[in-house]
Amino acid sequence: MTVARSQSMLEQLEAEARDRGLLLRLQVGRPLGLWSLRLVVAQQGSSGNLLLLGEMKGSGFYGDDSLRTQLTLLGEQGGQ
């Protein structure tokens, strides 16, 4: 998958979330040879603050000729 294609897919996901009144943020990093991922879903509250609905973190690395991954669901609030 190319960077341009993944960028357009991310923009499409963010637009779909926005249409549903949600805020979606994805953070990807590459610290120390690991791949890291953080996904946050929030909704704007009535007083303008953000209400965290869910968060997921993941990491992956290459080892023994294979990709090893770990995903963790950090929290889920009582949303809709």
Protein backbone atom coordinates (compact mmCIF):
# COMPACT_ATOMS: atom_id res chain seq x y z
CA MET A 1 0.00 0.00 0.00
CA THR A 2 1.39 3.39 -0.92
CA VAL A 3 1.60 6.35 1.43
CA ALA A 4 -0.78 8.36 -0.76
CA ARG A 5 -3.37 5.57 -0.73
CA SER A 6 -3.13 5.05 3.04
CA GLN A 7 -3.42 8.83 3.53
CA SER A 8 -6.62 8.94 1.46
CA MET A 9 -8.02 5.95 3.38
CA LEU A 10 -7.27 7.73 6.66
CA GLU A 11 -8.94 10.91 5.39
CA GLN A 12 -11.97 8.84 4.37
CA LEU A 13 -12.18 7.24 7.84
CA GLU A 14 -11.88 10.63 9.53
CA ALA A 15 -14.61 12.07 7.29
CA GLU A 16 -16.91 9.13 8.04
CA ALA A 17 -16.35 9.61 11.78
CA ARG A 18 -16.99 13.36 11.45
CA ASP A 19 -20.30 12.66 9.65
CA ARG A 20 -21.34 10.64 12.72
CA GLY A 21 -20.34 13.40 15.13
CA LEU A 22 -17.14 11.66 16.21
CA LEU A 23 -13.50 12.68 16.27
CA LEU A 24 -11.01 10.03 15.13
CA ARG A 25 -7.27 10.44 15.59
CA LEU A 26 -4.59 8.02 14.51
CA GLN A 27 -0.95 8.36 15.53
CA VAL A 28 1.72 6.13 13.98
CA GLY A 29 5.37 6.10 15.00
CA ARG A 30 8.54 4.11 14.56
CA PRO A 31 10.53 4.36 17.82
CA LEU A 32 13.61 2.12 18.13
CA GLY A 33 12.69 -0.12 15.22
CA LEU A 34 9.18 -0.84 16.52
CA TRP A 35 5.97 0.17 14.81
CA SER A 36 3.55 1.91 17.17
CA LEU A 37 -0.09 2.82 16.67
CA ARG A 38 -2.53 4.79 18.79
CA LEU A 39 -6.18 5.21 17.82
CA VAL A 40 -8.51 7.50 19.77
CA VAL A 41 -12.24 8.04 19.26
CA ALA A 42 -13.89 11.00 21.01
CA GLN A 43 -17.08 13.04 20.86
CA GLN A 44 -17.55 16.70 21.65
CA GLY A 45 -19.57 17.17 24.83
CA SER A 46 -22.30 19.72 25.39
CA SER A 47 -19.92 22.11 27.18
CA GLY A 48 -17.35 21.91 24.36
CA ASN A 49 -15.04 19.46 26.09
CA LEU A 50 -14.05 16.15 24.50
CA LEU A 51 -15.48 12.89 25.82
CA LEU A 52 -13.15 9.95 25.21
CA LEU A 53 -15.18 7.03 23.85
CA GLY A 54 -12.35 4.58 23.22
CA GLU A 55 -8.64 4.21 22.78
CA MET A 56 -6.50 1.45 21.33
CA LYS A 57 -2.72 1.07 21.21
CA GLY A 58 -0.72 -1.37 19.18
CA SER A 59 2.87 -2.21 18.44
CA GLY A 60 4.73 -4.52 16.12
CA PHE A 61 8.23 -5.57 15.19
CA TYR A 62 9.96 -7.96 12.85
CA GLY A 63 11.50 -10.97 14.50
CA ASP A 64 12.47 -14.44 13.26
CA ASP A 65 11.38 -13.54 9.71
CA SER A 66 7.84 -12.69 10.82
CA LEU A 67 5.88 -9.69 12.05
CA ARG A 68 4.86 -9.88 15.69
CA THR A 69 2.07 -7.60 16.87
CA GLN A 70 0.18 -6.67 20.01
CA LEU A 71 -3.04 -4.67 20.30
CA THR A 72 -4.50 -3.36 23.54
CA LEU A 73 -7.97 -1.86 24.02
CA LEU A 74 -7.30 0.75 26.71
CA GLY A 75 -10.75 1.99 27.38
CA GLU A 76 -14.28 2.21 26.20
CA GLN A 77 -16.76 4.63 27.64
CA GLY A 78 -20.52 4.21 27.54
CA GLY A 79 -21.11 5.95 24.22
CA GLN A 80 -24.08 5.71 21.93
